[in-house]
């Protein structure tokens, strides 16, 4: 579950409730990883309280404070017991530095592959999902090289390049700039209180109150990214863009919008 940030924590909690039930509901063992935050104790306890109110019997805060501390036996043993893991918001670079290249991360990927773990990441926890990630940047300008800072991500869903708080912070040009740099990736911009829920079959469903913007450069015919100056406007020809809302489905492997009720996909 890739969440755009600022998910509802006090009302219906649709996204958090979906994570809770997908992880096993009252039988779930939920692990909260607040490492992206500068206040991990506060963030960890807030999510502990939320999932406790939902009825979770076992909740562990994996309060990892240093790079590769996550590979200590105490954290790996807790991870093994979890049916759901929740990555909080904060600083995606901090989260990356704490768990990249670790046995902790390898274990998460293996368990996702065999279907024994539900993973959710919000804000910074969403940004790290791709093989490449947006580590910072600006907004409100035309696409240009200086608008976005890029680095390696955790590669949990390698095909993606994720931007979060998307329309709320006017980040369309930022995501376009990132895709110009990595046109082999699929850009997804996720609004606040909105989630891409991946099904394990190459598709995701949109849930929440906002939109998910998909930027597909598969048919990109030209960009001047390599030869442009840092602040020069970028050209991107023949991008395909989808705006998806609650209940929409998208096949990110085939890069087509799904129409579930008809049992087929739609090429618009």
Protein backbone atom coordinates (compact mmCIF):
# COMPACT_ATOMS: atom_id res chain seq x y z
CA UNK A 1 0.00 0.00 0.00
CA UNK A 2 1.64 3.20 -1.24
CA UNK A 3 0.05 6.20 0.54
CA UNK A 4 0.45 9.84 -0.50
CA UNK A 5 0.72 11.08 3.09
CA UNK A 6 -1.63 12.80 5.55
CA UNK A 7 -3.93 9.76 5.61
CA UNK A 8 -7.04 10.15 7.75
CA UNK A 9 -6.11 9.20 11.31
CA UNK A 10 -9.19 10.40 13.20
CA UNK A 11 -12.30 9.89 11.03
CA UNK A 12 -13.24 6.79 9.07
CA UNK A 13 -9.56 5.92 8.61
CA UNK A 14 -10.38 4.11 5.36
CA UNK A 15 -6.78 3.55 4.30
CA UNK A 16 -5.45 2.58 7.71
CA UNK A 17 -8.44 0.31 8.29
CA UNK A 18 -7.80 -1.42 4.96
CA UNK A 19 -4.19 -2.02 5.97
CA UNK A 20 -5.28 -3.33 9.37
CA UNK A 21 -7.79 -5.80 7.90
CA UNK A 22 -5.43 -6.89 5.10
CA UNK A 23 -2.79 -7.71 7.73
CA UNK A 24 -5.20 -9.99 9.60
CA UNK A 25 -7.47 -7.66 11.57
CA UNK A 26 -7.67 -8.51 15.25
CA UNK A 27 -5.36 -11.46 14.63
CA UNK A 28 -2.70 -9.23 13.05
CA UNK A 29 0.76 -8.57 14.39
CA UNK A 30 1.58 -5.07 13.18
CA UNK A 31 5.09 -3.67 13.04
CA UNK A 32 5.47 0.11 12.87
CA UNK A 33 8.75 1.46 11.48
CA UNK A 34 8.97 5.18 12.38
CA UNK A 35 12.62 5.54 11.34
CA UNK A 36 11.95 8.23 8.70
CA UNK A 37 10.75 10.60 11.42
CA UNK A 38 12.88 12.89 13.57
CA UNK A 39 10.43 12.04 16.37
CA UNK A 40 10.17 8.26 16.01
CA UNK A 41 8.86 7.67 19.54
CA UNK A 42 5.98 10.13 19.04
CA UNK A 43 5.11 8.79 15.59
CA UNK A 44 5.39 5.16 16.66
CA UNK A 45 3.08 5.67 19.62
CA UNK A 46 0.54 7.53 17.52
CA UNK A 47 0.18 4.63 15.09
CA UNK A 48 0.26 2.13 17.97
CA UNK A 49 -2.73 3.93 19.47
CA UNK A 50 -4.61 3.94 16.15
CA UNK A 51 -4.17 0.24 15.47
CA UNK A 52 -4.89 -0.61 19.11
CA UNK A 53 -8.20 1.25 18.84
CA UNK A 54 -9.00 -0.84 15.76
CA UNK A 55 -8.53 -3.98 17.83
CA UNK A 56 -5.03 -5.22 17.01
CA UNK A 57 -3.83 -7.51 19.78
CA UNK A 58 -0.12 -7.31 18.99
CA UNK A 59 1.64 -4.13 17.89
CA UNK A 60 5.40 -3.69 17.77
CA UNK A 61 7.20 -0.37 17.27
CA UNK A 62 10.44 -1.18 15.48
CA UNK A 63 12.22 1.97 16.64
CA UNK A 64 15.39 1.61 14.58
CA UNK A 65 17.70 4.58 15.24
CA UNK A 66 20.88 3.88 13.22
CA UNK A 67 21.86 2.46 9.81
CA UNK A 68 21.74 -1.34 9.79
CA UNK A 69 20.62 -1.54 13.40
CA UNK A 70 17.64 -3.22 11.75
CA UNK A 71 19.79 -6.33 11.25
CA UNK A 72 20.10 -6.92 14.97
CA UNK A 73 18.42 -10.16 16.05
CA UNK A 74 15.83 -8.34 18.16
CA UNK A 75 14.44 -6.47 15.12
CA UNK A 76 14.66 -9.42 12.74
CA UNK A 77 12.79 -11.61 15.22
CA UNK A 78 10.04 -9.00 15.56
CA UNK A 79 9.84 -8.66 11.78
CA UNK A 80 9.43 -12.42 11.42
CA UNK A 81 6.37 -12.28 13.69
CA UNK A 82 4.67 -9.43 11.81
CA UNK A 83 1.80 -9.91 9.38
CA UNK A 84 1.81 -6.20 8.49
CA UNK A 85 4.56 -3.57 8.45
CA UNK A 86 3.85 0.16 8.31
CA UNK A 87 6.56 2.64 7.22
CA UNK A 88 5.83 6.12 8.55
CA UNK A 89 6.44 9.50 6.98
CA UNK A 90 9.38 11.81 7.58
CA UNK A 91 12.59 11.93 5.55
CA UNK A 92 12.88 9.28 2.83
CA UNK A 93 16.67 9.64 2.68
CA UNK A 94 16.89 8.86 6.39
CA UNK A 95 14.68 5.79 5.96
CA UNK A 96 16.72 4.63 2.96
CA UNK A 97 20.01 4.98 4.83
CA UNK A 98 18.67 3.00 7.78
CA UNK A 99 17.45 -0.10 5.92
CA UNK A 100 18.94 -0.23 2.40
CA UNK A 101 21.08 -3.30 1.70
CA UNK A 102 19.97 -4.99 4.93
CA UNK A 103 18.70 -8.45 5.76
CA UNK A 104 15.68 -6.62 7.19
CA UNK A 105 14.81 -5.26 3.74
CA UNK A 106 15.57 -8.55 1.99
CA UNK A 107 13.21 -10.32 4.39
CA UNK A 108 10.43 -7.84 3.66
CA UNK A 109 10.85 -8.35 -0.09
CA UNK A 110 10.86 -12.16 0.22
CA UNK A 111 7.74 -12.18 2.36
CA UNK A 112 5.93 -9.82 0.00
CA UNK A 113 6.82 -12.16 -2.86
CA UNK A 114 5.33 -15.20 -1.13
CA UNK A 115 2.33 -13.29 0.21
CA UNK A 116 2.94 -13.60 3.96
CA UNK A 117 3.28 -9.88 4.67
CA UNK A 118 1.30 -6.70 3.99
CA UNK A 119 3.46 -3.59 3.63
CA UNK A 120 2.27 0.01 3.75
CA UNK A 121 4.31 3.19 3.41
CA UNK A 122 3.05 6.75 3.79
CA UNK A 123 4.75 9.91 2.50
CA UNK A 124 8.47 9.14 2.94
CA UNK A 125 7.50 5.49 3.32
CA UNK A 126 5.88 5.72 -0.13
CA UNK A 127 8.73 7.61 -1.79
CA UNK A 128 11.23 4.79 -1.12
CA UNK A 129 9.19 2.09 -2.87
CA UNK A 130 10.75 2.36 -6.35
CA UNK A 131 14.18 1.42 -7.62
CA UNK A 132 14.73 5.18 -8.02
CA UNK A 133 13.27 7.77 -5.69
CA UNK A 134 12.67 11.49 -5.40
CA UNK A 135 14.73 12.66 -2.44
CA UNK A 136 13.75 16.33 -2.62
CA UNK A 137 13.12 19.26 -4.92
CA UNK A 138 10.76 22.13 -5.58
CA UNK A 139 7.36 22.77 -7.16
CA UNK A 140 5.38 25.37 -9.05
CA UNK A 141 7.69 25.67 -12.06
CA UNK A 142 7.91 24.24 -15.56
CA UNK A 143 9.68 20.87 -15.69
CA UNK A 144 13.46 21.31 -15.43
CA UNK A 145 16.47 19.37 -14.16
CA UNK A 146 16.92 21.46 -11.00
CA UNK A 147 13.32 20.87 -9.90
CA UNK A 148 13.97 17.37 -8.59
CA UNK A 149 16.65 15.55 -6.60
CA UNK A 150 16.95 11.85 -7.39
CA UNK A 151 18.70 8.88 -5.84
CA UNK A 152 18.34 5.13 -5.46
CA UNK A 153 15.24 3.80 -3.70
CA UNK A 154 14.61 0.51 -1.92
CA UNK A 155 13.34 -1.28 -5.04
CA UNK A 156 10.28 -2.85 -3.44
CA UNK A 157 8.28 -2.06 -6.60
CA UNK A 158 11.17 -1.39 -9.00
CA UNK A 159 9.06 -0.16 -11.94
CA UNK A 160 7.74 2.87 -10.08
CA UNK A 161 8.95 6.38 -9.44
CA UNK A 162 6.69 7.78 -6.71
CA UNK A 163 5.88 11.34 -5.70
CA UNK A 164 3.58 12.04 -2.75
CA UNK A 165 1.45 14.95 -1.41
CA UNK A 166 1.04 15.33 -5.15
CA UNK A 167 -1.63 17.84 -6.15
CA UNK A 168 -1.62 19.24 -2.61
CA UNK A 169 1.93 20.53 -3.20
CA UNK A 170 1.75 21.13 -6.96
CA UNK A 171 4.29 18.43 -7.88
CA UNK A 172 3.26 17.55 -11.45
CA UNK A 173 6.28 19.30 -12.98
CA UNK A 174 8.56 17.66 -10.42
CA UNK A 175 7.38 14.17 -11.33
CA UNK A 176 7.65 14.95 -15.04
CA UNK A 177 11.24 16.11 -14.48
CA UNK A 178 12.00 12.86 -12.66
CA UNK A 179 10.51 10.78 -15.48
CA UNK A 180 12.56 12.74 -18.03
CA UNK A 181 15.65 11.55 -16.11
CA UNK A 182 14.39 7.94 -15.87
CA UNK A 183 12.05 7.28 -18.80
CA UNK A 184 12.16 3.54 -18.13
CA UNK A 185 10.11 4.09 -14.96
CA UNK A 186 6.39 4.66 -14.46
CA UNK A 187 5.62 7.86 -12.58
CA UNK A 188 2.83 7.85 -10.02
CA UNK A 189 1.87 10.97 -8.11
CA UNK A 190 -0.32 10.24 -5.10
CA UNK A 191 -2.47 12.85 -3.38
CA UNK A 192 -2.83 13.10 0.38
CA UNK A 193 -5.22 10.64 2.06
CA UNK A 194 -4.99 8.52 -1.10
CA UNK A 195 -3.44 5.11 -1.63
CA UNK A 196 -2.34 2.80 -4.42
CA UNK A 197 -3.18 -0.66 -3.07
CA UNK A 198 -1.14 -3.24 -4.99
CA UNK A 199 -2.85 -6.57 -5.51
CA UNK A 200 0.13 -8.83 -6.23
CA UNK A 201 -1.09 -9.49 -9.78
CA UNK A 202 0.54 -6.49 -11.46
CA UNK A 203 -2.34 -4.12 -10.71
CA UNK A 204 -3.22 -1.54 -8.09
CA UNK A 205 -6.51 -0.08 -6.90
CA UNK A 206 -7.01 3.55 -5.91
CA UNK A 207 -8.56 4.23 -2.52
CA UNK A 208 -9.05 7.42 -0.58
CA UNK A 209 -10.35 10.91 -1.21
CA UNK A 210 -7.82 12.17 -3.78
CA UNK A 211 -6.38 11.16 -7.13
CA UNK A 212 -3.42 9.21 -8.42
CA UNK A 213 -1.73 10.66 -11.50
CA UNK A 214 0.06 8.13 -13.68
CA UNK A 215 2.76 9.39 -16.05
CA UNK A 216 3.65 6.74 -18.59
CA UNK A 217 6.69 7.58 -20.79
CA UNK A 218 6.59 4.32 -22.73
CA UNK A 219 5.73 6.17 -25.96
CA UNK A 220 8.00 9.15 -25.23
CA UNK A 221 9.49 10.24 -28.55
CA UNK A 222 11.75 13.06 -27.41
CA UNK A 223 13.17 14.80 -24.37
CA UNK A 224 16.00 17.31 -24.19
CA UNK A 225 16.86 16.25 -20.63
CA UNK A 226 20.46 15.15 -21.30
CA UNK A 227 21.45 18.30 -23.13
CA UNK A 228 19.51 20.91 -21.16
CA UNK A 229 20.80 23.33 -18.57
CA UNK A 230 19.85 22.88 -14.92
CA UNK A 231 17.07 25.48 -15.01
CA UNK A 232 16.15 25.29 -18.71
CA UNK A 233 12.57 24.11 -19.41
CA UNK A 234 12.35 20.49 -20.45
CA UNK A 235 10.66 19.15 -23.56
CA UNK A 236 8.79 15.85 -23.21
CA UNK A 237 6.89 14.66 -26.27
CA UNK A 238 4.11 12.07 -26.28
CA UNK A 239 3.76 11.35 -22.59
CA UNK A 240 0.64 9.43 -21.64
CA UNK A 241 -1.13 10.66 -18.49
CA UNK A 242 -3.97 9.05 -16.51
CA UNK A 243 -5.80 10.56 -13.55
CA UNK A 244 -7.31 7.81 -11.40
CA UNK A 245 -9.73 8.07 -8.49
CA UNK A 246 -11.40 5.91 -5.83
CA UNK A 247 -12.13 2.43 -7.15
CA UNK A 248 -10.10 2.77 -10.36
CA UNK A 249 -7.64 0.01 -11.20
CA UNK A 250 -4.40 0.20 -13.16
CA UNK A 251 -2.19 -2.56 -14.57
CA UNK A 252 1.31 -1.20 -14.04
CA UNK A 253 2.96 -4.18 -15.74
CA UNK A 254 1.01 -3.74 -18.98
CA UNK A 255 0.51 0.00 -18.42
CA UNK A 256 -3.20 0.03 -19.10
CA UNK A 257 -6.24 1.18 -17.15
CA UNK A 258 -8.45 -1.69 -16.01
CA UNK A 259 -12.23 -1.78 -16.14
CA UNK A 260 -12.98 -4.37 -13.43
CA UNK A 261 -16.72 -4.54 -13.97
CA UNK A 262 -16.21 -5.60 -17.57
CA UNK A 263 -13.30 -7.90 -16.85
CA UNK A 264 -11.04 -6.22 -19.38
CA UNK A 265 -8.55 -3.41 -19.75
CA UNK A 266 -9.10 -0.12 -21.50
CA UNK A 267 -6.62 1.77 -23.66
CA UNK A 268 -7.66 5.40 -23.73
